[in-house]
Protein backbone atom coordinates (compact mmCIF):
# COMPACT_ATOMS: atom_id res chain seq x y z
CA MET A 1 5.61 -1.93 -2.96
CA LEU A 2 1.79 -2.23 -3.38
CA VAL A 3 -0.62 -2.12 -0.66
CA THR A 4 -4.10 -2.63 -1.22
CA ILE A 5 -6.92 -0.95 1.31
CA GLY A 6 -10.30 -0.77 1.20
CA SER A 7 -11.47 3.08 0.56
CA ILE A 8 -9.02 6.46 -0.18
CA THR A 9 -9.66 7.59 3.06
CA THR A 10 -8.17 4.83 4.93
CA ALA A 11 -5.44 5.02 1.56
CA SER A 12 -5.13 8.70 1.89
CA ARG A 13 -4.40 8.60 5.86
CA ALA A 14 -1.81 5.89 5.62
CA ALA A 15 -0.27 7.70 2.94
CA LYS A 16 -0.32 10.81 4.86
CA VAL A 17 0.85 8.70 8.60
CA ILE A 18 4.01 6.67 6.43
CA ARG A 19 5.50 10.80 5.36
CA ARG A 20 5.30 12.25 8.16
CA VAL A 21 6.68 8.88 10.04
CA LEU A 22 9.14 8.13 7.69
CA GLY A 23 9.66 10.67 5.21
CA ILE A 24 9.47 8.54 1.95
CA ASN A 25 7.08 9.08 -1.03
CA VAL A 26 3.73 7.51 -0.53
CA GLN A 27 1.80 7.75 -3.18
CA VAL A 28 -2.16 6.40 -3.55
CA ILE A 29 -3.81 5.34 -6.89
CA HIS A 30 -6.58 3.07 -7.94
CA THR A 31 -5.90 -0.26 -7.31
CA PRO A 32 -4.87 -2.19 -10.52
CA THR A 33 -7.66 -4.06 -12.54
CA GLN A 34 -5.41 -7.36 -12.17
CA LEU A 35 -5.71 -7.02 -8.00
CA ASN A 36 -8.63 -5.85 -7.15
CA ARG A 37 -10.64 -8.41 -5.96
CA GLY A 38 -14.35 -6.64 -5.81
CA GLY A 39 -15.27 -3.83 -4.98
CA CYS A 40 -14.07 -0.25 -4.32
CA SER A 41 -10.27 -0.40 -3.89
CA TYR A 42 -7.32 1.95 -3.69
CA SER A 43 -4.04 0.77 -2.51
CA ILE A 44 -0.68 3.08 -1.55
CA LYS A 45 2.31 2.83 -3.47
CA PHE A 46 6.33 3.10 -2.49
CA SER A 47 9.55 1.84 -3.17
CA ASP A 48 9.47 -2.19 -1.75
CA ASN A 49 12.98 -0.90 0.23
CA TYR A 50 10.84 0.53 2.65
CA HIS A 51 8.60 -2.97 2.54
CA MET A 52 9.20 -3.51 6.53
CA SER A 53 9.34 0.13 7.95
CA VAL A 54 6.07 0.68 6.23
CA LYS A 55 4.93 -3.09 7.88
CA ARG A 56 6.17 -1.12 11.13
CA VAL A 57 4.48 2.33 10.54
CA ILE A 58 0.59 0.96 9.38
CA SER A 59 0.73 -2.28 12.48
CA GLU A 60 1.67 0.97 15.02
CA TYR A 61 -1.05 3.01 13.39
CA ASN A 62 -4.46 -0.08 13.46
CA ILE A 63 -4.21 1.20 9.06
CA PRO A 64 -6.71 -1.99 7.75
CA VAL A 65 -4.96 -3.55 5.13
CA LYS A 66 -5.98 -5.91 2.59
CA ARG A 67 -2.94 -7.69 0.58
CA TRP A 68 0.99 -6.81 0.21
CA TYR A 69 2.41 -6.66 -3.08
CA GLY A 70 6.12 -6.91 -4.57
CA GLU A 71 6.39 -5.91 -8.02
CA SER A 72 8.09 -7.70 -10.42
CA ASP A 73 10.03 -6.76 -13.53
CA GLY A 74 7.37 -6.15 -16.41
CA GLY A 75 4.80 -4.71 -13.53
CA VAL A 76 4.02 -8.32 -12.51
CA TYR A 77 2.49 -8.06 -9.11
CA ASN A 78 3.61 -10.67 -6.65
CA ASP A 79 1.26 -11.39 -3.26
CA LEU A 80 3.45 -11.62 -0.50
CA SER A 81 0.41 -12.03 2.40
């Protein structure tokens, strides 16, 4: 699962909150070129299994996100927004 976020600061905050609340592994990465819609963009990456839990935490902590993507075989991302 990949969630695009506008800034490194917000992405880092999101990852920190998710790790603390859910105790799962979250990576902060540069948004892949094929998903970047212009400008500086970072993403958080985590297992698809935690999609709904992460969505709840992001909502509870009012973390602004751009788009949600699920990853299929071969590294192709599916827009879930």
